Amino acid sequence: MSRPLTVLLANTAARWIGEAAGTDLLARVLHERGHRVVMVVPEGGSIHPALTAPCRIVRVPWRLSGGASGSLPAQYRAAARLLREVQPDIVHVGRGQEHWCLGLLRPWMPAGCRLVRTRHVVLPMRQVWSNRWLFRARTDAVTAVSQATFAGLGQLGAHLPEERRRVVLGAVDMQRFAPARRDEALRARLGATAERPLLVGCLGRWQNIKGPDVFLEAMGRVIATCPQVHAVMAGRKINPEHPRLRAWHEKWQLEGRITYLGMVEDVPALVASLDVGVIASRGSEGFSRIAVEYMASGVPVVATRVGALPEIVRDGETGRLVPSEDPGAMAESIVALVRDATIRRTLAERALREAHERFAPERLGREMEAVYRAALAAPRASLSTSRSRA
């Protein structure tokens, strides 16, 4: 039996976003597989209270975006002390800041330690010599949460040896997100009634790239033809009194037909209580956690064809994909699901099976452990070996 590993997981996300949730879930499944996990998070961030993994959590004064806390010397001193204390087998980073910090500290890592980077975003990486050096000479394995995020590495990723690069899809906690979390009392509070029994929701932070205006215009069209529908919009910074939201609300005649929520405490219950889940994003979506949360909750999905969404949602099989920034196409797909309960049920059943087959935490744990052990079995990355293999 393979020996347990000591894994140092680092992520500088300042608040609770998909990357932070993914790191937390990975820490939990690695712990369940018998590994010792130490998670490193920003001292000045807000994600610490939301973490659930039963592992040691260390706060380091990372320099957060916007200069929230920390300085480079303090950051490097804290990271170096932690490396000496923990003596990890694997250092696993998720963002550029900690990647550079720990990559530069590579000489101070234990001789057998390996550095792994996971990429979470679809934004193209700059093809500059410094990034090439970091990835080829200091990084032993590179993973990405989707093909779309790996593609963002460009030639930098293509030139990595095959044994050092891999797509490891993200995962979602299937115990938290499940059809059993559907709550009829909550549905009533959200606006479901005998006359309007179907809830169509869009969950995500208030940000232009998430397409809130596209969703609202689509729902204006849906509600005009489907009186049985009530809409729900929820997420960080969603405020019904915001002037722009109020203008959209009035333009598309949504008065009395939509419920706005800000941050929600019981997200799994909200997700499972919808009849159709919508993702209206204009871009991004390196790995759409909400898409998999809909699927794991038995909720059919209508999503835009951006980022990793086509890898997650199979058009016509586990949901519907539509062009981005096309409220007409989005409304048409929503109406098709609203009007046909058989289609809704079929897509939801397929989506639920797909979620358990492709996005279960156990699969994430197995695949990431395989990445770690392969990195440990291979020669340590260096500029000379990278040049000979590239």
Protein backbone atom coordinates (compact mmCIF):
# COMPACT_ATOMS: atom_id res chain seq x y z
CA MET A 1 0.00 0.00 0.00
CA SER A 2 1.34 3.46 -0.94
CA ARG A 3 2.42 5.64 1.94
CA PRO A 4 0.32 8.66 2.96
CA LEU A 5 1.57 12.00 1.67
CA THR A 6 1.99 15.36 3.33
CA VAL A 7 0.34 17.92 1.07
CA LEU A 8 0.63 21.69 1.43
CA LEU A 9 -2.36 23.26 -0.37
CA ALA A 10 -2.14 26.99 -1.02
CA ASN A 11 -4.68 29.39 -2.52
CA THR A 12 -4.64 33.20 -2.24
CA ALA A 13 -8.32 33.75 -3.05
CA ALA A 14 -9.40 36.61 -0.78
CA ARG A 15 -13.06 35.59 -0.64
CA TRP A 16 -15.24 32.54 -1.07
CA ILE A 17 -15.26 31.87 -4.81
CA GLY A 18 -15.15 28.69 -6.87
CA GLU A 19 -11.39 28.30 -6.50
CA ALA A 20 -11.56 28.50 -2.72
CA ALA A 21 -14.44 26.03 -2.58
CA GLY A 22 -12.55 23.66 -4.87
CA THR A 23 -9.43 23.82 -2.71
CA ASP A 24 -11.50 23.15 0.41
CA LEU A 25 -13.15 20.12 -1.21
CA LEU A 26 -9.80 18.75 -2.40
CA ALA A 27 -8.36 19.10 1.11
CA ARG A 28 -11.31 17.15 2.48
CA VAL A 29 -11.05 14.26 0.02
CA LEU A 30 -7.28 14.02 0.43
CA HIS A 31 -7.78 13.84 4.21
CA GLU A 32 -10.37 11.09 3.70
CA ARG A 33 -7.83 9.18 1.60
CA GLY A 34 -5.44 9.18 4.55
CA HIS A 35 -3.12 12.03 3.60
CA ARG A 36 -1.89 14.78 5.91
CA VAL A 37 -3.10 18.12 4.55
CA VAL A 38 -2.08 21.64 5.54
CA MET A 39 -4.09 24.41 3.86
CA VAL A 40 -2.58 27.87 3.42
CA VAL A 41 -4.95 30.83 3.01
CA PRO A 42 -4.59 34.63 3.12
CA GLU A 43 -4.32 36.23 6.52
CA GLY A 44 -6.35 39.23 5.38
CA GLY A 45 -9.01 37.37 3.38
CA SER A 46 -12.50 36.27 4.33
CA ILE A 47 -12.52 32.60 3.27
CA HIS A 48 -11.19 31.14 6.54
CA PRO A 49 -14.59 30.93 8.33
CA ALA A 50 -16.16 29.10 5.36
CA LEU A 51 -13.60 26.30 5.17
CA THR A 52 -14.88 22.84 6.12
CA ALA A 53 -11.95 20.49 5.53
CA PRO A 54 -10.76 18.67 8.71
CA CYS A 55 -7.14 19.72 8.29
CA ARG A 56 -4.71 22.23 9.68
CA ILE A 57 -5.28 25.73 8.28
CA VAL A 58 -2.47 28.30 8.27
CA ARG A 59 -2.98 31.98 7.45
CA VAL A 60 -0.07 33.66 5.66
CA PRO A 61 0.19 37.40 4.91
CA TRP A 62 -0.23 37.03 1.16
CA ARG A 63 -0.43 40.31 -0.73
CA LEU A 64 -4.07 40.32 -1.79
CA SER A 65 -5.35 42.07 -4.88
CA GLY A 66 -6.03 45.67 -3.91
CA GLY A 67 -3.26 45.55 -1.28
CA ALA A 68 -5.53 44.27 1.49
CA SER A 69 -2.68 42.89 3.57
CA GLY A 70 0.84 41.60 3.64
CA SER A 71 4.17 42.52 2.09
CA LEU A 72 6.49 40.49 -0.11
CA PRO A 73 9.21 40.01 2.55
CA ALA A 74 6.67 38.94 5.18
CA GLN A 75 5.00 36.60 2.70
CA TYR A 76 8.25 34.90 1.73
CA ARG A 77 9.46 34.60 5.33
CA ALA A 78 6.16 33.03 6.43
CA ALA A 79 6.14 30.59 3.50
CA ALA A 80 9.77 29.59 4.10
CA ARG A 81 9.07 28.94 7.80
CA LEU A 82 6.06 26.84 6.87
CA LEU A 83 8.06 24.73 4.41
CA ARG A 84 10.68 24.01 7.07
CA GLU A 85 8.05 23.09 9.62
CA VAL A 86 5.70 20.98 7.48
CA GLN A 87 8.31 19.21 5.31
CA PRO A 88 5.75 18.48 2.58
CA ASP A 89 5.94 15.83 -0.10
CA ILE A 90 3.72 17.96 -2.35
CA VAL A 91 3.25 21.71 -2.53
CA HIS A 92 0.07 22.36 -4.53
CA VAL A 93 -0.73 25.92 -5.61
CA GLY A 94 -3.78 27.38 -7.33
CA ARG A 95 -2.89 30.96 -8.28
CA GLY A 96 -0.02 32.90 -9.75
CA GLN A 97 0.92 34.70 -6.55
CA GLU A 98 1.57 31.64 -4.43
CA HIS A 99 3.02 29.84 -7.46
CA TRP A 100 5.73 32.49 -7.79
CA CYS A 101 6.32 32.66 -4.05
CA LEU A 102 6.75 28.91 -3.60
CA GLY A 103 8.45 28.45 -6.95
CA LEU A 104 11.15 30.92 -5.95
CA LEU A 105 11.46 29.13 -2.60
CA ARG A 106 11.98 25.81 -4.37
CA PRO A 107 15.63 25.52 -3.18
CA TRP A 108 14.36 25.61 0.42
CA MET A 109 11.88 22.74 -0.10
CA PRO A 110 12.75 19.19 1.01
CA ALA A 111 14.79 17.37 -1.62
CA GLY A 112 11.99 14.98 -2.50
CA CYS A 113 9.23 17.61 -2.58
CA ARG A 114 7.33 18.33 -5.81
CA LEU A 115 5.52 21.52 -6.86
CA VAL A 116 2.11 21.17 -8.55
CA ARG A 117 0.09 24.02 -10.09
CA THR A 118 -3.63 23.86 -10.88
CA ARG A 119 -5.08 26.43 -13.27
CA HIS A 120 -8.66 27.60 -12.65
CA VAL A 121 -9.22 30.41 -15.16
CA VAL A 122 -9.68 30.60 -18.93
CA LEU A 123 -7.81 33.89 -19.37
CA PRO A 124 -4.80 33.43 -21.66
CA MET A 125 -1.50 33.28 -19.81
CA ARG A 126 1.22 35.68 -20.91
CA GLN A 127 3.78 33.86 -23.04
CA VAL A 128 6.83 35.52 -21.47
CA TRP A 129 10.19 34.09 -20.47
CA SER A 130 9.48 34.41 -16.74
CA ASN A 131 6.33 32.26 -16.94
CA ARG A 132 8.14 29.75 -19.14
CA TRP A 133 10.90 29.50 -16.53
CA LEU A 134 8.42 29.10 -13.66
CA PHE A 135 6.42 26.35 -15.36
CA ARG A 136 9.28 24.44 -16.94
CA ALA A 137 12.10 24.78 -14.43
CA ARG A 138 10.30 24.96 -11.08
CA THR A 139 6.97 23.14 -11.57
CA ASP A 140 6.75 19.34 -11.57
CA ALA A 141 3.13 18.95 -12.70
CA VAL A 142 0.45 21.23 -14.10
CA THR A 143 -3.25 20.43 -13.97
CA ALA A 144 -6.27 22.37 -15.16
CA VAL A 145 -9.89 22.09 -14.03
CA SER A 146 -11.12 21.87 -17.64
CA GLN A 147 -9.87 21.69 -21.21
CA ALA A 148 -10.83 25.36 -21.56
CA THR A 149 -8.55 26.39 -18.70
CA PHE A 150 -5.69 24.29 -20.02
CA ALA A 151 -6.08 25.90 -23.44
CA GLY A 152 -5.42 29.25 -21.74
CA LEU A 153 -1.82 28.16 -21.13
CA GLY A 154 -1.20 28.34 -24.89
CA GLN A 155 2.25 27.29 -26.08
CA LEU A 156 3.48 27.29 -22.51
CA GLY A 157 1.21 24.33 -21.76
CA ALA A 158 1.71 22.65 -25.13
CA HIS A 159 5.49 22.54 -24.61
CA LEU A 160 5.28 20.85 -21.22
CA PRO A 161 6.09 17.12 -21.36
CA GLU A 162 2.90 15.06 -21.52
CA GLU A 163 3.63 13.33 -18.21
CA ARG A 164 3.69 16.73 -16.47
CA ARG A 165 0.31 18.05 -17.68
CA ARG A 166 -3.21 16.80 -17.11
CA VAL A 167 -6.82 17.97 -17.02
CA VAL A 168 -8.45 17.02 -13.71
CA LEU A 169 -12.06 18.15 -13.74
CA GLY A 170 -13.40 19.87 -10.66
CA ALA A 171 -15.92 18.25 -8.34
CA VAL A 172 -18.89 19.08 -6.14
CA ASP A 173 -19.94 17.68 -2.77
CA MET A 174 -22.70 15.23 -3.72
CA GLN A 175 -23.90 14.93 -0.15
CA ARG A 176 -24.62 18.66 0.10
CA PHE A 177 -26.02 19.06 -3.41
CA ALA A 178 -28.72 16.47 -3.99
CA PRO A 179 -32.40 16.26 -5.06
CA ALA A 180 -33.33 15.46 -1.47
CA ARG A 181 -32.50 19.05 -0.51
CA ARG A 182 -35.59 20.33 -2.36
CA ASP A 183 -37.65 22.34 0.15
CA GLU A 184 -41.32 23.08 -0.53
CA ALA A 185 -41.53 25.67 2.24
CA LEU A 186 -38.56 27.48 0.73
CA ARG A 187 -40.15 27.28 -2.71
CA ALA A 188 -43.23 29.02 -1.35
CA ARG A 189 -41.08 31.77 0.15
CA LEU A 190 -39.32 32.18 -3.18
CA GLY A 191 -42.62 32.81 -4.93
CA ALA A 192 -43.90 29.42 -6.11
CA THR A 193 -47.71 29.23 -5.98
CA ALA A 194 -50.47 27.03 -7.38
CA GLU A 195 -50.77 29.45 -10.32
CA ARG A 196 -47.01 29.82 -10.79
CA PRO A 197 -45.52 26.49 -9.67
CA LEU A 198 -42.29 26.58 -11.69
CA LEU A 199 -39.20 28.37 -10.42
CA VAL A 200 -36.49 29.37 -12.90
CA GLY A 201 -33.35 30.68 -11.21
CA CYS A 202 -29.98 32.23 -11.98
CA LEU A 203 -27.44 32.04 -9.15
CA GLY A 204 -24.15 33.93 -9.20
CA ARG A 205 -22.38 37.07 -8.10
CA TRP A 206 -23.52 40.47 -9.40
CA GLN A 207 -20.99 41.01 -12.18
CA ASN A 208 -21.34 41.97 -15.82
CA ILE A 209 -19.52 38.86 -17.04
CA LYS A 210 -22.23 36.72 -15.40
CA GLY A 211 -24.86 38.25 -17.71
CA PRO A 212 -27.54 39.37 -15.22
CA ASP A 213 -29.15 41.60 -17.86
CA VAL A 214 -29.27 38.70 -20.32
CA PHE A 215 -31.06 36.54 -17.76
CA LEU A 216 -33.56 39.26 -16.88
CA GLU A 217 -34.38 40.00 -20.52
CA ALA A 218 -34.78 36.29 -21.22
CA MET A 219 -37.10 35.94 -18.22
CA GLY A 220 -39.17 38.91 -19.43
CA ARG A 221 -39.75 36.99 -22.66
CA VAL A 222 -40.42 33.70 -20.84
CA ILE A 223 -42.93 35.21 -18.41
CA ALA A 224 -44.78 36.95 -21.25
CA THR A 225 -45.70 33.54 -22.69
CA CYS A 226 -45.55 31.24 -19.66
CA PRO A 227 -47.71 32.46 -16.77
CA GLN A 228 -46.77 29.38 -14.71
CA VAL A 229 -43.21 30.68 -14.16
CA HIS A 230 -41.70 32.70 -11.31
CA ALA A 231 -38.06 33.80 -11.53
CA VAL A 232 -35.35 33.84 -8.86
CA MET A 233 -32.05 35.71 -8.93
CA ALA A 234 -29.52 35.24 -6.14
CA GLY A 235 -25.88 35.96 -5.41
CA ARG A 236 -23.31 38.28 -3.90
CA LYS A 237 -24.09 42.01 -4.25
CA ILE A 238 -27.51 41.49 -5.81
CA ASN A 239 -29.58 44.42 -4.57
CA PRO A 240 -33.12 44.95 -5.95
CA GLU A 241 -32.78 48.68 -5.32
CA HIS A 242 -29.70 49.07 -7.49
CA PRO A 243 -30.60 51.64 -10.19
CA ARG A 244 -29.43 49.48 -13.08
CA LEU A 245 -31.23 46.39 -11.79
CA ARG A 246 -34.36 48.43 -11.15
CA ALA A 247 -34.22 49.80 -14.72
CA TRP A 248 -33.94 46.31 -16.19
CA HIS A 249 -36.69 45.08 -13.89
CA GLU A 250 -39.06 47.77 -15.14
CA LYS A 251 -38.01 47.49 -18.79
CA TRP A 252 -38.86 43.81 -18.96
CA GLN A 253 -41.97 44.07 -16.78
CA LEU A 254 -40.92 41.70 -14.02
CA GLU A 255 -42.89 43.29 -11.18
CA GLY A 256 -44.28 40.54 -8.94
CA ARG A 257 -42.72 37.84 -11.11
CA ILE A 258 -39.18 37.63 -9.73
CA THR A 259 -37.59 37.27 -6.31
CA TYR A 260 -34.17 38.84 -5.69
CA LEU A 261 -31.85 37.42 -3.05
CA GLY A 262 -28.38 38.46 -1.99
CA MET A 263 -26.02 35.96 -0.35
CA VAL A 264 -27.88 32.81 0.64
CA GLU A 265 -26.91 30.70 3.65
CA ASP A 266 -28.38 27.39 2.47
CA VAL A 267 -27.30 27.28 -1.17
CA PRO A 268 -27.92 23.52 -1.64
CA ALA A 269 -31.58 23.90 -0.64
CA LEU A 270 -32.01 26.88 -2.96
CA VAL A 271 -30.44 25.06 -5.91
CA ALA A 272 -32.51 21.90 -5.40
CA SER A 273 -35.71 23.92 -5.04
CA LEU A 274 -35.51 25.28 -8.59
CA ASP A 275 -37.20 23.66 -11.59
CA VAL A 276 -34.76 25.08 -14.15
CA GLY A 277 -31.29 26.47 -13.45
CA VAL A 278 -29.82 29.13 -15.74
CA ILE A 279 -26.23 30.26 -16.37
CA ALA A 280 -26.14 33.46 -18.44
CA SER A 281 -22.39 34.10 -18.41
CA ARG A 282 -20.73 36.16 -21.13
CA GLY A 283 -17.34 34.54 -20.52
CA SER A 284 -15.01 33.09 -17.90
CA GLU A 285 -16.39 29.81 -16.39
CA GLY A 286 -13.08 28.01 -16.05
CA PHE A 287 -15.05 25.35 -14.19
CA SER A 288 -18.68 26.16 -13.55
CA ARG A 289 -19.42 24.86 -10.08
CA ILE A 290 -23.01 26.07 -10.25
CA ALA A 291 -23.60 23.99 -13.40
CA VAL A 292 -22.52 20.82 -11.58
CA GLU A 293 -24.47 21.85 -8.47
CA TYR A 294 -27.62 22.12 -10.60
CA MET A 295 -26.90 18.72 -12.14
CA ALA A 296 -26.16 17.03 -8.80
CA SER A 297 -29.42 18.48 -7.44
CA GLY A 298 -31.48 17.02 -10.30
CA VAL A 299 -32.16 20.44 -11.86
CA PRO A 300 -32.05 20.77 -15.68
CA VAL A 301 -29.65 23.45 -16.92
CA VAL A 302 -29.83 26.15 -19.58
CA ALA A 303 -26.35 27.62 -20.02
CA THR A 304 -24.38 29.78 -22.39
CA ARG A 305 -21.76 28.19 -24.58
CA VAL A 306 -18.70 29.77 -22.91
CA GLY A 307 -15.61 28.54 -21.09
CA ALA A 308 -15.90 25.01 -19.71
CA LEU A 309 -19.71 24.88 -19.91
CA PRO A 310 -19.75 22.80 -23.13
CA GLU A 311 -17.48 20.28 -21.35
CA ILE A 312 -19.89 20.04 -18.41
CA VAL A 313 -23.35 20.35 -19.97
CA ARG A 314 -24.09 18.05 -22.92
CA ASP A 315 -26.47 19.94 -25.16
CA GLY A 316 -29.75 18.08 -25.52
CA GLU A 317 -28.63 15.30 -23.17
CA THR A 318 -28.03 16.82 -19.72
CA GLY A 319 -29.18 20.38 -20.46
CA ARG A 320 -29.41 23.08 -23.12
CA LEU A 321 -26.59 25.26 -24.42
CA VAL A 322 -27.28 28.62 -26.06
CA PRO A 323 -25.07 31.37 -27.53
CA SER A 324 -23.85 33.98 -25.07
CA GLU A 325 -25.58 37.37 -25.04
CA ASP A 326 -28.61 35.95 -26.83
CA PRO A 327 -31.65 36.40 -24.54
CA GLY A 328 -33.97 35.23 -27.31
CA ALA A 329 -32.25 31.84 -27.63
CA MET A 330 -32.08 31.54 -23.85
CA ALA A 331 -35.79 32.28 -23.50
CA GLU A 332 -36.63 29.76 -26.21
CA SER A 333 -34.72 26.99 -24.42
CA ILE A 334 -36.26 27.85 -21.05
CA VAL A 335 -39.76 27.88 -22.54
CA ALA A 336 -39.17 24.44 -24.08
CA LEU A 337 -38.33 23.03 -20.64
CA VAL A 338 -41.13 24.88 -18.88
CA ARG A 339 -43.78 23.59 -21.27
CA ASP A 340 -42.69 19.94 -21.25
CA ALA A 341 -42.37 18.19 -17.90
CA THR A 342 -41.10 15.02 -19.60
CA ILE A 343 -38.14 16.87 -21.13
CA ARG A 344 -37.37 18.51 -17.79
CA ARG A 345 -37.45 15.19 -15.98
CA THR A 346 -35.36 13.39 -18.63
CA LEU A 347 -32.65 16.03 -18.69
CA ALA A 348 -32.60 16.19 -14.88
CA GLU A 349 -32.21 12.40 -14.54
CA ARG A 350 -29.39 12.29 -17.08
CA ALA A 351 -27.70 15.28 -15.47
CA LEU A 352 -27.84 13.65 -12.04
CA ARG A 353 -26.22 10.45 -13.36
CA GLU A 354 -23.58 12.47 -15.19
CA ALA A 355 -22.76 14.45 -12.06
CA HIS A 356 -22.13 11.31 -10.03
CA GLU A 357 -20.09 9.69 -12.80
CA ARG A 358 -17.85 12.65 -13.71
CA PHE A 359 -17.85 15.18 -10.87
CA ALA A 360 -17.85 13.18 -7.63
CA PRO A 361 -15.27 14.14 -4.96
CA GLU A 362 -13.95 10.57 -4.83
CA ARG A 363 -12.94 10.79 -8.50
CA LEU A 364 -11.16 14.10 -7.84
CA GLY A 365 -9.23 12.55 -4.96
CA ARG A 366 -8.11 9.53 -7.01
CA GLU A 367 -7.00 11.58 -10.00
CA MET A 368 -5.15 14.21 -8.00
CA GLU A 369 -3.38 11.59 -5.93
CA ALA A 370 -2.27 9.94 -9.20
CA VAL A 371 -0.83 13.30 -10.31
CA TYR A 372 1.07 13.63 -7.04
CA ARG A 373 2.53 10.12 -7.15
CA ALA A 374 3.55 10.45 -10.80
CA ALA A 375 5.34 13.72 -9.98
CA LEU A 376 7.12 12.10 -7.04
CA ALA A 377 8.23 9.17 -9.22
CA ALA A 378 9.66 11.43 -11.96
CA PRO A 379 12.88 13.47 -11.85
CA ARG A 380 12.50 16.87 -10.25
CA ALA A 381 11.76 19.66 -12.74
CA SER A 382 14.72 21.75 -13.83
CA LEU A 383 15.52 23.97 -16.76
CA SER A 384 17.87 21.39 -18.32
CA THR A 385 15.36 18.50 -18.13
CA SER A 386 12.56 20.74 -19.42
CA ARG A 387 14.64 21.73 -22.46
CA SER A 388 15.54 18.12 -23.25
CA ARG A 389 11.90 16.98 -23.10
CA ALA A 390 10.10 19.99 -24.60
